[in-house]
Amino acid sequence: KLANGRPLPQCAAGCYIPGSACPWRARARLPPMLDWIADPNAWIALATLTALEIVLGIDNIIFISILVSRLPEESRNLARRLGLGFAMATRILLLLSLAWIMRLKEPLFTLWQDISGRDLILLIGGLFLIAKSTHEIHGSLEGVEGEASKKVYAGFVGVIIQITLLDIVFSLDSVITAIGMVSNVWIMIAAVVI
């Protein structure tokens, strides 16, 4: 504190160097949308979410490669890029819509306590994650019985649509996890893009 009892001026980077001597002062003037860049907690959240996106996105990559393998060799790279681009766009749209729903904190109805839109999303999302993990564990322990299916050929547009729809289904777990972990939408989008 200063001699008159007032606190020292602190820049956005968190240092107490007065005046223009602060090395961060020039960099600390960020638009409000980018305030998270100067926050170390945001970087930790971004690293964690990026790691989760990689781990939870492995099933997407497997299905994309299976679907793309049904196409002729010359159109596989284009289909892979378009499929991944549409998958990323749908994941970001799903993320934005769920983030909007998470801000719905007004009570919708009352059971034993007030239930809001955010509470419903967290409850349904948690139940979805429990059901999906139980199904995955059961499938890995018991194995899958069935007959071999004959090869199905799909057109280019059909494969892109299948990739996009499968990504919506398989990205729910990572999107729900991201919504539950971080409150800043820009960090979530950055983790999806990385």
N, C-alpha and C. Protein backbone atom coordinates (compact mmCIF):
# COMPACT_ATOMS: atom_id res chain seq x y z
N LYS A 1 0.84 -1.19 0.00
CA LYS A 1 0.00 0.00 0.00
C LYS A 1 0.88 1.24 0.00
N LEU A 2 0.32 2.29 -0.52
CA LEU A 2 1.02 3.56 -0.52
C LEU A 2 0.96 4.18 0.88
N ALA A 3 1.72 5.23 1.09
CA ALA A 3 1.78 5.87 2.41
C ALA A 3 0.42 6.42 2.82
N ASN A 4 -0.41 6.84 1.87
CA ASN A 4 -1.71 7.41 2.24
C ASN A 4 -2.78 6.34 2.44
N GLY A 5 -2.40 5.06 2.41
CA GLY A 5 -3.35 4.00 2.69
C GLY A 5 -4.04 3.44 1.47
N ARG A 6 -3.86 4.05 0.31
CA ARG A 6 -4.49 3.54 -0.91
C ARG A 6 -3.65 2.39 -1.46
N PRO A 7 -4.29 1.43 -2.12
CA PRO A 7 -3.52 0.31 -2.67
C PRO A 7 -2.71 0.77 -3.88
N LEU A 8 -1.61 0.06 -4.11
CA LEU A 8 -0.78 0.33 -5.28
C LEU A 8 -1.58 0.03 -6.55
N PRO A 9 -1.37 0.80 -7.60
CA PRO A 9 -2.05 0.47 -8.85
C PRO A 9 -1.50 -0.84 -9.41
N GLN A 10 -2.41 -1.68 -9.85
CA GLN A 10 -2.02 -2.98 -10.35
C GLN A 10 -2.44 -3.06 -11.82
N CYS A 11 -1.53 -3.50 -12.68
CA CYS A 11 -1.88 -3.62 -14.09
C CYS A 11 -2.68 -4.90 -14.29
N ALA A 12 -3.20 -5.09 -15.50
CA ALA A 12 -4.02 -6.26 -15.80
C ALA A 12 -3.22 -7.55 -15.71
N ALA A 13 -1.91 -7.47 -15.85
CA ALA A 13 -1.08 -8.67 -15.74
C ALA A 13 -0.83 -9.05 -14.29
N GLY A 14 -1.18 -8.18 -13.35
CA GLY A 14 -1.07 -8.51 -11.94
C GLY A 14 0.16 -7.97 -11.25
N CYS A 15 1.00 -7.20 -11.93
CA CYS A 15 2.19 -6.69 -11.26
C CYS A 15 1.90 -5.32 -10.62
N TYR A 16 2.75 -4.92 -9.69
CA TYR A 16 2.56 -3.68 -8.96
C TYR A 16 3.59 -2.62 -9.35
N ILE A 17 4.21 -2.73 -10.49
CA ILE A 17 5.19 -1.74 -10.93
C ILE A 17 4.43 -0.48 -11.36
N PRO A 18 4.70 0.64 -10.77
CA PRO A 18 3.93 1.84 -11.11
C PRO A 18 4.31 2.43 -12.46
N GLY A 19 3.33 3.12 -13.06
CA GLY A 19 3.56 3.90 -14.27
C GLY A 19 3.93 3.08 -15.48
N SER A 20 4.69 3.69 -16.37
CA SER A 20 5.02 3.05 -17.64
C SER A 20 6.16 2.06 -17.51
N ALA A 21 6.70 1.86 -16.32
CA ALA A 21 7.79 0.91 -16.16
C ALA A 21 7.30 -0.54 -16.24
N CYS A 22 6.02 -0.75 -16.14
CA CYS A 22 5.47 -2.10 -16.19
C CYS A 22 5.65 -2.67 -17.59
N PRO A 23 6.35 -3.81 -17.70
CA PRO A 23 6.57 -4.39 -19.03
C PRO A 23 5.31 -4.97 -19.64
N TRP A 24 4.31 -5.22 -18.83
CA TRP A 24 3.08 -5.82 -19.32
C TRP A 24 2.02 -4.79 -19.65
N ARG A 25 2.19 -3.54 -19.26
CA ARG A 25 1.13 -2.55 -19.41
C ARG A 25 0.69 -2.39 -20.87
N ALA A 26 1.64 -2.38 -21.79
CA ALA A 26 1.28 -2.22 -23.20
C ALA A 26 0.52 -3.44 -23.71
N ARG A 27 0.88 -4.62 -23.21
CA ARG A 27 0.20 -5.84 -23.65
C ARG A 27 -1.09 -6.08 -22.91
N ALA A 28 -1.30 -5.43 -21.78
CA ALA A 28 -2.45 -5.73 -20.94
C ALA A 28 -3.74 -5.11 -21.43
N ARG A 29 -3.70 -4.22 -22.39
CA ARG A 29 -4.91 -3.59 -22.90
C ARG A 29 -5.54 -4.46 -23.97
N LEU A 30 -6.31 -5.43 -23.55
CA LEU A 30 -6.97 -6.36 -24.45
C LEU A 30 -8.45 -6.02 -24.55
N PRO A 31 -9.06 -6.33 -25.68
CA PRO A 31 -10.51 -6.18 -25.76
C PRO A 31 -11.17 -7.08 -24.73
N PRO A 32 -12.35 -6.72 -24.24
CA PRO A 32 -13.00 -7.52 -23.20
C PRO A 32 -13.18 -8.99 -23.58
N MET A 33 -13.38 -9.26 -24.87
CA MET A 33 -13.57 -10.62 -25.32
C MET A 33 -12.30 -11.46 -25.11
N LEU A 34 -11.14 -10.81 -25.07
CA LEU A 34 -9.86 -11.52 -24.97
C LEU A 34 -9.20 -11.38 -23.60
N ASP A 35 -9.93 -10.97 -22.59
CA ASP A 35 -9.37 -10.84 -21.25
C ASP A 35 -8.78 -12.14 -20.72
N TRP A 36 -9.30 -13.26 -21.16
CA TRP A 36 -8.85 -14.55 -20.65
C TRP A 36 -7.40 -14.84 -21.02
N ILE A 37 -6.86 -14.17 -22.02
CA ILE A 37 -5.50 -14.44 -22.46
C ILE A 37 -4.48 -14.10 -21.37
N ALA A 38 -4.77 -13.11 -20.55
CA ALA A 38 -3.85 -12.70 -19.49
C ALA A 38 -4.04 -13.50 -18.20
N ASP A 39 -4.98 -14.44 -18.18
CA ASP A 39 -5.28 -15.20 -16.97
C ASP A 39 -4.61 -16.58 -17.01
N PRO A 40 -3.70 -16.87 -16.08
CA PRO A 40 -3.04 -18.18 -16.08
C PRO A 40 -4.01 -19.34 -15.89
N ASN A 41 -5.08 -19.12 -15.15
CA ASN A 41 -6.08 -20.18 -14.96
C ASN A 41 -6.74 -20.54 -16.28
N ALA A 42 -6.91 -19.56 -17.14
CA ALA A 42 -7.49 -19.82 -18.46
C ALA A 42 -6.57 -20.70 -19.30
N TRP A 43 -5.28 -20.49 -19.19
CA TRP A 43 -4.33 -21.32 -19.94
C TRP A 43 -4.32 -22.75 -19.43
N ILE A 44 -4.47 -22.92 -18.12
CA ILE A 44 -4.55 -24.27 -17.56
C ILE A 44 -5.83 -24.95 -18.03
N ALA A 45 -6.93 -24.21 -18.02
CA ALA A 45 -8.20 -24.76 -18.50
C ALA A 45 -8.11 -25.11 -19.99
N LEU A 46 -7.46 -24.25 -20.78
CA LEU A 46 -7.29 -24.53 -22.21
C LEU A 46 -6.47 -25.79 -22.43
N ALA A 47 -5.39 -25.95 -21.69
CA ALA A 47 -4.56 -27.16 -21.84
C ALA A 47 -5.33 -28.41 -21.44
N THR A 48 -6.10 -28.31 -20.36
CA THR A 48 -6.88 -29.46 -19.90
C THR A 48 -7.96 -29.82 -20.91
N LEU A 49 -8.68 -28.80 -21.39
CA LEU A 49 -9.73 -29.07 -22.37
C LEU A 49 -9.16 -29.60 -23.68
N THR A 50 -8.02 -29.09 -24.10
CA THR A 50 -7.41 -29.59 -25.33
C THR A 50 -7.04 -31.06 -25.18
N ALA A 51 -6.47 -31.42 -24.04
CA ALA A 51 -6.14 -32.83 -23.80
C ALA A 51 -7.40 -33.69 -23.80
N LEU A 52 -8.47 -33.20 -23.17
CA LEU A 52 -9.73 -33.95 -23.16
C LEU A 52 -10.32 -34.07 -24.56
N GLU A 53 -10.24 -33.01 -25.35
CA GLU A 53 -10.74 -33.05 -26.73
C GLU A 53 -9.99 -34.10 -27.54
N ILE A 54 -8.69 -34.20 -27.32
CA ILE A 54 -7.89 -35.20 -28.04
C ILE A 54 -8.31 -36.61 -27.62
N VAL A 55 -8.41 -36.83 -26.32
CA VAL A 55 -8.76 -38.16 -25.82
C VAL A 55 -10.18 -38.54 -26.24
N LEU A 56 -11.13 -37.61 -26.05
CA LEU A 56 -12.52 -37.91 -26.37
C LEU A 56 -12.80 -37.85 -27.87
N GLY A 57 -11.88 -37.31 -28.66
CA GLY A 57 -12.08 -37.23 -30.11
C GLY A 57 -11.49 -38.39 -30.88
N ILE A 58 -10.85 -39.32 -30.20
CA ILE A 58 -10.25 -40.46 -30.89
C ILE A 58 -11.32 -41.30 -31.58
N ASP A 59 -12.46 -41.50 -30.94
CA ASP A 59 -13.52 -42.28 -31.59
C ASP A 59 -14.01 -41.60 -32.87
N ASN A 60 -14.04 -40.26 -32.88
CA ASN A 60 -14.43 -39.54 -34.10
C ASN A 60 -13.46 -39.83 -35.24
N ILE A 61 -12.16 -39.80 -34.95
CA ILE A 61 -11.15 -40.03 -35.97
C ILE A 61 -11.27 -41.45 -36.53
N ILE A 62 -11.54 -42.42 -35.66
CA ILE A 62 -11.68 -43.80 -36.12
C ILE A 62 -12.87 -43.93 -37.07
N PHE A 63 -14.01 -43.34 -36.70
CA PHE A 63 -15.18 -43.44 -37.55
C PHE A 63 -15.00 -42.67 -38.86
N ILE A 64 -14.34 -41.52 -38.80
CA ILE A 64 -14.09 -40.77 -40.03
C ILE A 64 -13.21 -41.58 -40.97
N SER A 65 -12.18 -42.22 -40.44
CA SER A 65 -11.31 -43.01 -41.32
C SER A 65 -12.04 -44.22 -41.89
N ILE A 66 -12.93 -44.82 -41.12
CA ILE A 66 -13.72 -45.95 -41.64
C ILE A 66 -14.65 -45.48 -42.75
N LEU A 67 -15.34 -44.36 -42.53
CA LEU A 67 -16.26 -43.86 -43.54
C LEU A 67 -15.54 -43.40 -44.80
N VAL A 68 -14.41 -42.73 -44.62
CA VAL A 68 -13.66 -42.23 -45.77
C VAL A 68 -13.07 -43.38 -46.58
N SER A 69 -12.77 -44.49 -45.94
CA SER A 69 -12.19 -45.63 -46.67
C SER A 69 -13.16 -46.24 -47.66
N ARG A 70 -14.43 -45.92 -47.58
CA ARG A 70 -15.43 -46.42 -48.52
C ARG A 70 -15.43 -45.66 -49.84
N LEU A 71 -14.72 -44.55 -49.86
CA LEU A 71 -14.68 -43.71 -51.06
C LEU A 71 -13.51 -44.10 -51.96
N PRO A 72 -13.57 -43.70 -53.23
CA PRO A 72 -12.41 -43.91 -54.09
C PRO A 72 -11.19 -43.15 -53.57
N GLU A 73 -10.01 -43.65 -53.88
CA GLU A 73 -8.75 -43.10 -53.36
C GLU A 73 -8.60 -41.61 -53.64
N GLU A 74 -8.98 -41.15 -54.82
CA GLU A 74 -8.76 -39.75 -55.19
C GLU A 74 -9.64 -38.76 -54.44
N SER A 75 -10.74 -39.20 -53.86
CA SER A 75 -11.61 -38.25 -53.15
C SER A 75 -11.52 -38.38 -51.63
N ARG A 76 -10.66 -39.23 -51.13
CA ARG A 76 -10.57 -39.45 -49.68
C ARG A 76 -10.02 -38.24 -48.93
N ASN A 77 -8.96 -37.63 -49.43
CA ASN A 77 -8.39 -36.47 -48.73
C ASN A 77 -9.38 -35.32 -48.64
N LEU A 78 -10.09 -35.04 -49.74
CA LEU A 78 -11.08 -33.97 -49.72
C LEU A 78 -12.21 -34.29 -48.75
N ALA A 79 -12.67 -35.53 -48.78
CA ALA A 79 -13.74 -35.94 -47.86
C ALA A 79 -13.28 -35.84 -46.41
N ARG A 80 -12.04 -36.23 -46.15
CA ARG A 80 -11.50 -36.16 -44.79
C ARG A 80 -11.46 -34.71 -44.30
N ARG A 81 -10.96 -33.82 -45.16
CA ARG A 81 -10.88 -32.40 -44.76
C ARG A 81 -12.26 -31.78 -44.58
N LEU A 82 -13.16 -32.04 -45.54
CA LEU A 82 -14.52 -31.50 -45.41
C LEU A 82 -15.23 -32.07 -44.19
N GLY A 83 -15.07 -33.37 -43.98
CA GLY A 83 -15.71 -34.00 -42.82
C GLY A 83 -15.22 -33.42 -41.51
N LEU A 84 -13.90 -33.25 -41.40
CA LEU A 84 -13.34 -32.66 -40.18
C LEU A 84 -13.77 -31.21 -40.02
N GLY A 85 -13.85 -30.45 -41.12
CA GLY A 85 -14.30 -29.05 -41.06
C GLY A 85 -15.74 -28.95 -40.61
N PHE A 86 -16.63 -29.76 -41.21
CA PHE A 86 -18.03 -29.73 -40.80
C PHE A 86 -18.20 -30.24 -39.38
N ALA A 87 -17.40 -31.24 -39.01
CA ALA A 87 -17.47 -31.75 -37.64
C ALA A 87 -17.07 -30.68 -36.64
N MET A 88 -16.01 -29.93 -36.94
CA MET A 88 -15.59 -28.85 -36.04
C MET A 88 -16.67 -27.76 -35.97
N ALA A 89 -17.26 -27.41 -37.11
CA ALA A 89 -18.30 -26.37 -37.12
C ALA A 89 -19.52 -26.81 -36.31
N THR A 90 -19.95 -28.07 -36.47
CA THR A 90 -21.11 -28.53 -35.70
C THR A 90 -20.78 -28.62 -34.22
N ARG A 91 -19.55 -28.98 -33.90
CA ARG A 91 -19.16 -29.05 -32.49
C ARG A 91 -19.17 -27.66 -31.85
N ILE A 92 -18.69 -26.66 -32.60
CA ILE A 92 -18.70 -25.28 -32.08
C ILE A 92 -20.13 -24.78 -31.93
N LEU A 93 -21.00 -25.08 -32.90
CA LEU A 93 -22.41 -24.67 -32.79
C LEU A 93 -23.09 -25.35 -31.61
N LEU A 94 -22.81 -26.62 -31.41
CA LEU A 94 -23.36 -27.34 -30.25
C LEU A 94 -22.84 -26.74 -28.96
N LEU A 95 -21.57 -26.39 -28.95
CA LEU A 95 -20.95 -25.76 -27.78
C LEU A 95 -21.60 -24.42 -27.47
N LEU A 96 -21.81 -23.60 -28.50
CA LEU A 96 -22.44 -22.28 -28.30
C LEU A 96 -23.88 -22.42 -27.82
N SER A 97 -24.61 -23.38 -28.38
CA SER A 97 -25.99 -23.53 -27.95
C SER A 97 -26.08 -24.02 -26.51
N LEU A 98 -25.20 -24.97 -26.14
CA LEU A 98 -25.22 -25.43 -24.74
C LEU A 98 -24.72 -24.36 -23.79
N ALA A 99 -23.75 -23.56 -24.23
CA ALA A 99 -23.27 -22.46 -23.38
C ALA A 99 -24.37 -21.44 -23.16
N TRP A 100 -25.19 -21.21 -24.17
CA TRP A 100 -26.32 -20.29 -24.00
C TRP A 100 -27.33 -20.87 -23.01
N ILE A 101 -27.59 -22.16 -23.13
CA ILE A 101 -28.54 -22.80 -22.22
C ILE A 101 -28.00 -22.76 -20.79
N MET A 102 -26.68 -22.86 -20.62
CA MET A 102 -26.08 -22.84 -19.28
C MET A 102 -26.29 -21.50 -18.58
N ARG A 103 -26.54 -20.45 -19.36
CA ARG A 103 -26.78 -19.14 -18.74
C ARG A 103 -28.22 -18.98 -18.29
N LEU A 104 -29.05 -19.95 -18.56
CA LEU A 104 -30.44 -19.89 -18.14
C LEU A 104 -30.54 -20.30 -16.68
N LYS A 105 -30.44 -19.32 -15.81
CA LYS A 105 -30.41 -19.62 -14.39
C LYS A 105 -31.74 -19.31 -13.70
N GLU A 106 -32.70 -18.82 -14.47
CA GLU A 106 -34.03 -18.59 -13.92
C GLU A 106 -34.73 -19.94 -13.71
N PRO A 107 -35.41 -20.12 -12.58
CA PRO A 107 -36.07 -21.40 -12.32
C PRO A 107 -37.16 -21.69 -13.36
N LEU A 108 -37.15 -22.91 -13.88
CA LEU A 108 -38.19 -23.36 -14.80
C LEU A 108 -39.35 -24.00 -14.05
N PHE A 109 -39.00 -24.80 -13.04
CA PHE A 109 -40.00 -25.44 -12.19
C PHE A 109 -39.34 -25.80 -10.87
N THR A 110 -40.17 -26.25 -9.93
CA THR A 110 -39.66 -26.59 -8.61
C THR A 110 -40.07 -28.01 -8.26
N LEU A 111 -39.10 -28.81 -7.87
CA LEU A 111 -39.39 -30.13 -7.30
C LEU A 111 -39.12 -30.03 -5.81
N TRP A 112 -37.94 -30.38 -5.35
CA TRP A 112 -37.53 -30.14 -3.97
C TRP A 112 -36.73 -28.86 -3.87
N GLN A 113 -36.30 -28.34 -5.03
CA GLN A 113 -35.62 -27.06 -5.13
C GLN A 113 -35.91 -26.50 -6.52
N ASP A 114 -35.52 -25.26 -6.76
CA ASP A 114 -35.74 -24.65 -8.06
C ASP A 114 -34.83 -25.33 -9.10
N ILE A 115 -35.40 -25.65 -10.27
CA ILE A 115 -34.67 -26.30 -11.35
C ILE A 115 -34.63 -25.31 -12.53
N SER A 116 -33.40 -24.98 -12.97
CA SER A 116 -33.23 -24.06 -14.10
C SER A 116 -32.81 -24.84 -15.34
N GLY A 117 -32.68 -24.13 -16.48
CA GLY A 117 -32.21 -24.75 -17.71
C GLY A 117 -30.81 -25.29 -17.56
N ARG A 118 -29.99 -24.56 -16.83
CA ARG A 118 -28.62 -25.00 -16.56
C ARG A 118 -28.61 -26.30 -15.77
N ASP A 119 -29.46 -26.39 -14.76
CA ASP A 119 -29.54 -27.61 -13.96
C ASP A 119 -29.97 -28.80 -14.81
N LEU A 120 -30.94 -28.56 -15.71
CA LEU A 120 -31.40 -29.64 -16.58
C LEU A 120 -30.29 -30.14 -17.50
N ILE A 121 -29.53 -29.20 -18.08
CA ILE A 121 -28.44 -29.60 -18.98
C ILE A 121 -27.38 -30.39 -18.21
N LEU A 122 -27.01 -29.94 -17.02
CA LEU A 122 -26.02 -30.67 -16.23
C LEU A 122 -26.53 -32.05 -15.82
N LEU A 123 -27.81 -32.15 -15.46
CA LEU A 123 -28.38 -33.43 -15.06
C LEU A 123 -28.45 -34.39 -16.25
N ILE A 124 -29.00 -33.92 -17.37
CA ILE A 124 -29.12 -34.77 -18.55
C ILE A 124 -27.73 -35.12 -19.08
N GLY A 125 -26.83 -34.14 -19.09
CA GLY A 125 -25.47 -34.40 -19.55
C GLY A 125 -24.75 -35.42 -18.68
N GLY A 126 -24.90 -35.29 -17.38
CA GLY A 126 -24.28 -36.26 -16.47
C GLY A 126 -24.84 -37.66 -16.67
N LEU A 127 -26.15 -37.76 -16.82
CA LEU A 127 -26.76 -39.07 -17.08
C LEU A 127 -26.28 -39.65 -18.41
N PHE A 128 -26.15 -38.78 -19.43
CA PHE A 128 -25.64 -39.24 -20.73
C PHE A 128 -24.22 -39.77 -20.60
N LEU A 129 -23.36 -39.05 -19.88
CA LEU A 129 -21.97 -39.49 -19.71
C LEU A 129 -21.90 -40.81 -18.94
N ILE A 130 -22.74 -40.97 -17.93
CA ILE A 130 -22.76 -42.22 -17.17
C ILE A 130 -23.22 -43.38 -18.06
N ALA A 131 -24.29 -43.14 -18.85
CA ALA A 131 -24.80 -44.19 -19.73
C ALA A 131 -23.78 -44.55 -20.80
N LYS A 132 -23.14 -43.55 -21.39
CA LYS A 132 -22.16 -43.83 -22.44
C LYS A 132 -20.96 -44.58 -21.89
N SER A 133 -20.45 -44.17 -20.73
CA SER A 133 -19.29 -44.87 -20.17
C SER A 133 -19.66 -46.29 -19.76
N THR A 134 -20.86 -46.49 -19.21
CA THR A 134 -21.30 -47.84 -18.85
C THR A 134 -21.40 -48.72 -20.09
N HIS A 135 -21.95 -48.17 -21.17
CA HIS A 135 -22.07 -48.91 -22.42
C HIS A 135 -20.69 -49.27 -22.99
N GLU A 136 -19.74 -48.32 -22.94
CA GLU A 136 -18.39 -48.57 -23.45
C GLU A 136 -17.69 -49.64 -22.62
N ILE A 137 -17.81 -49.56 -21.30
CA ILE A 137 -17.17 -50.55 -20.43
C ILE A 137 -17.79 -51.93 -20.66
N HIS A 138 -19.12 -51.97 -20.76
CA HIS A 138 -19.80 -53.25 -21.00
C HIS A 138 -19.37 -53.84 -22.34
N GLY A 139 -19.28 -53.00 -23.38
CA GLY A 139 -18.87 -53.48 -24.69
C GLY A 139 -17.44 -53.99 -24.71
N SER A 140 -16.55 -53.34 -23.95
CA SER A 140 -15.16 -53.79 -23.94
C SER A 140 -14.99 -55.06 -23.10
N LEU A 141 -15.82 -55.27 -22.09
CA LEU A 141 -15.70 -56.47 -21.27
C LEU A 141 -16.40 -57.67 -21.89
N GLU A 142 -17.58 -57.45 -22.46
CA GLU A 142 -18.38 -58.54 -22.99
C GLU A 142 -18.09 -58.86 -24.45
N GLY A 143 -17.63 -57.86 -25.20
CA GLY A 143 -17.43 -58.07 -26.62
C GLY A 143 -18.74 -57.85 -27.36
N VAL A 144 -18.65 -57.81 -28.67
CA VAL A 144 -19.84 -57.58 -29.49
C VAL A 144 -20.07 -58.81 -30.35
N GLU A 145 -21.28 -59.36 -30.26
CA GLU A 145 -21.63 -60.50 -31.09
C GLU A 145 -22.35 -59.99 -32.31
N GLY A 146 -22.18 -60.68 -33.40
CA GLY A 146 -22.87 -60.28 -34.62
C GLY A 146 -22.24 -60.93 -35.82
N GLU A 147 -22.89 -60.74 -36.95
CA GLU A 147 -22.40 -61.31 -38.18
C GLU A 147 -21.63 -60.25 -38.94
N ALA A 148 -20.73 -60.71 -39.78
CA ALA A 148 -19.99 -59.78 -40.61
C ALA A 148 -20.92 -59.17 -41.65
N SER A 149 -20.81 -57.90 -41.83
CA SER A 149 -21.68 -57.24 -42.80
C SER A 149 -20.94 -57.08 -44.11
N LYS A 150 -21.69 -57.10 -45.20
CA LYS A 150 -21.03 -56.94 -46.49
C LYS A 150 -20.71 -55.47 -46.71
N LYS A 151 -19.74 -55.21 -47.56
CA LYS A 151 -19.24 -53.86 -47.77
C LYS A 151 -20.32 -53.00 -48.44
N VAL A 152 -20.52 -51.81 -47.88
CA VAL A 152 -21.50 -50.88 -48.40
C VAL A 152 -20.75 -49.71 -49.00
N TYR A 153 -21.08 -49.37 -50.23
CA TYR A 153 -20.44 -48.23 -50.89
C TYR A 153 -21.33 -47.01 -50.74
N ALA A 154 -20.71 -45.91 -50.41
CA ALA A 154 -21.46 -44.68 -50.21
C ALA A 154 -20.92 -43.61 -51.13
N GLY A 155 -21.78 -42.65 -51.46
CA GLY A 155 -21.35 -41.53 -52.28
C GLY A 155 -20.63 -40.49 -51.43
N PHE A 156 -20.01 -39.55 -52.12
CA PHE A 156 -19.21 -38.52 -51.46
C PHE A 156 -20.06 -37.71 -50.48
N VAL A 157 -21.20 -37.22 -50.93
CA VAL A 157 -22.08 -36.40 -50.08
C VAL A 157 -22.61 -37.23 -48.91
N GLY A 158 -22.92 -38.49 -49.18
CA GLY A 158 -23.42 -39.36 -48.11
C GLY A 158 -22.39 -39.56 -47.01
N VAL A 159 -21.13 -39.70 -47.40
CA VAL A 159 -20.06 -39.87 -46.40
C VAL A 159 -19.90 -38.60 -45.58
N ILE A 160 -19.94 -37.43 -46.22
CA ILE A 160 -19.80 -36.16 -45.49
C ILE A 160 -20.95 -36.00 -44.50
N ILE A 161 -22.17 -36.31 -44.92
CA ILE A 161 -23.33 -36.20 -44.02
C ILE A 161 -23.19 -37.18 -42.85
N GLN A 162 -22.74 -38.40 -43.13
CA GLN A 162 -22.54 -39.38 -42.06
C GLN A 162 -21.48 -38.91 -41.07
N ILE A 163 -20.39 -38.35 -41.59
CA ILE A 163 -19.33 -37.85 -40.70
C ILE A 163 -19.87 -36.75 -39.80
N THR A 164 -20.64 -35.83 -40.38
CA THR A 164 -21.19 -34.71 -39.60
C THR A 164 -22.15 -35.21 -38.54
N LEU A 165 -23.05 -36.13 -38.90
CA LEU A 165 -24.03 -36.65 -37.93
C LEU A 165 -23.34 -37.47 -36.84
N LEU A 166 -22.36 -38.28 -37.22
CA LEU A 166 -21.65 -39.05 -36.20
C LEU A 166 -20.89 -38.15 -35.24
N ASP A 167 -20.34 -37.05 -35.77
CA ASP A 167 -19.61 -36.15 -34.89
C ASP A 167 -20.54 -35.48 -33.89
N ILE A 168 -21.76 -35.18 -34.30
CA ILE A 168 -22.72 -34.59 -33.35
C ILE A 168 -22.96 -35.56 -32.20
N VAL A 169 -23.15 -36.84 -32.52
CA VAL A 169 -23.40 -37.84 -31.48
C VAL A 169 -22.17 -38.04 -30.61
N PHE A 170 -21.00 -38.20 -31.24
CA PHE A 170 -19.80 -38.53 -30.47
C PHE A 170 -19.18 -37.32 -29.79
N SER A 171 -19.58 -36.11 -30.16
CA SER A 171 -18.98 -34.94 -29.51
C SER A 171 -19.77 -34.49 -28.29
N LEU A 172 -20.93 -35.08 -28.05
CA LEU A 172 -21.71 -34.67 -26.88
C LEU A 172 -20.92 -34.83 -25.59
N ASP A 173 -20.16 -35.90 -25.47
CA ASP A 173 -19.41 -36.10 -24.22
C ASP A 173 -18.37 -35.02 -24.01
N SER A 174 -17.64 -34.65 -25.05
CA SER A 174 -16.61 -33.62 -24.87
C SER A 174 -17.22 -32.25 -24.69
N VAL A 175 -18.34 -31.98 -25.36
CA VAL A 175 -18.99 -30.67 -25.21
C VAL A 175 -19.57 -30.52 -23.81
N ILE A 176 -20.20 -31.56 -23.32
CA ILE A 176 -20.77 -31.50 -21.96
C ILE A 176 -19.66 -31.36 -20.93
N THR A 177 -18.56 -32.05 -21.14
CA THR A 177 -17.42 -31.92 -20.23
C THR A 177 -16.86 -30.50 -20.26
N ALA A 178 -16.73 -29.93 -21.45
CA ALA A 178 -16.22 -28.56 -21.57
C ALA A 178 -17.14 -27.57 -20.89
N ILE A 179 -18.44 -27.71 -21.07
CA ILE A 179 -19.40 -26.81 -20.44
C ILE A 179 -19.31 -26.91 -18.92
N GLY A 180 -19.12 -28.12 -18.41
CA GLY A 180 -19.03 -28.30 -16.96
C GLY A 180 -17.73 -27.79 -16.36
N MET A 181 -16.65 -27.75 -17.16
CA MET A 181 -15.34 -27.36 -16.63
C MET A 181 -15.06 -25.88 -16.69
N VAL A 182 -15.45 -25.22 -17.78
CA VAL A 182 -15.02 -23.85 -18.04
C VAL A 182 -16.23 -22.98 -18.32
N SER A 183 -16.19 -21.74 -17.85
CA SER A 183 -17.31 -20.83 -18.09
C SER A 183 -17.06 -19.91 -19.27
N ASN A 184 -15.83 -19.82 -19.77
CA ASN A 184 -15.51 -18.94 -20.87
C ASN A 184 -15.65 -19.68 -22.19
N VAL A 185 -16.58 -19.22 -23.03
CA VAL A 185 -16.88 -19.90 -24.30
C VAL A 185 -15.67 -19.86 -25.23
N TRP A 186 -14.89 -18.78 -25.20
CA TRP A 186 -13.75 -18.65 -26.11
C TRP A 186 -12.68 -19.69 -25.81
N ILE A 187 -12.52 -20.05 -24.54
CA ILE A 187 -11.57 -21.11 -24.19
C ILE A 187 -12.06 -22.45 -24.74
N MET A 188 -13.36 -22.69 -24.63
CA MET A 188 -13.92 -23.95 -25.15
C MET A 188 -13.74 -24.04 -26.66
N ILE A 189 -14.02 -22.94 -27.36
CA ILE A 189 -13.89 -22.94 -28.82
C ILE A 189 -12.42 -23.13 -29.21
N ALA A 190 -11.51 -22.48 -28.49
CA ALA A 190 -10.08 -22.63 -28.80
C ALA A 190 -9.65 -24.08 -28.61
N ALA A 191 -10.15 -24.74 -27.58
CA ALA A 191 -9.80 -26.16 -27.35
C ALA A 191 -10.33 -27.04 -28.48
N VAL A 192 -11.51 -26.74 -28.98
CA VAL A 192 -12.07 -27.53 -30.09
C VAL A 192 -11.25 -27.31 -31.36
N VAL A 193 -10.88 -26.07 -31.63
CA VAL A 193 -10.13 -25.76 -32.85
C VAL A 193 -8.73 -26.36 -32.80
N ILE A 194 -8.09 -26.33 -31.65
CA ILE A 194 -6.73 -26.89 -31.52
C ILE A 194 -6.80 -28.38 -31.76
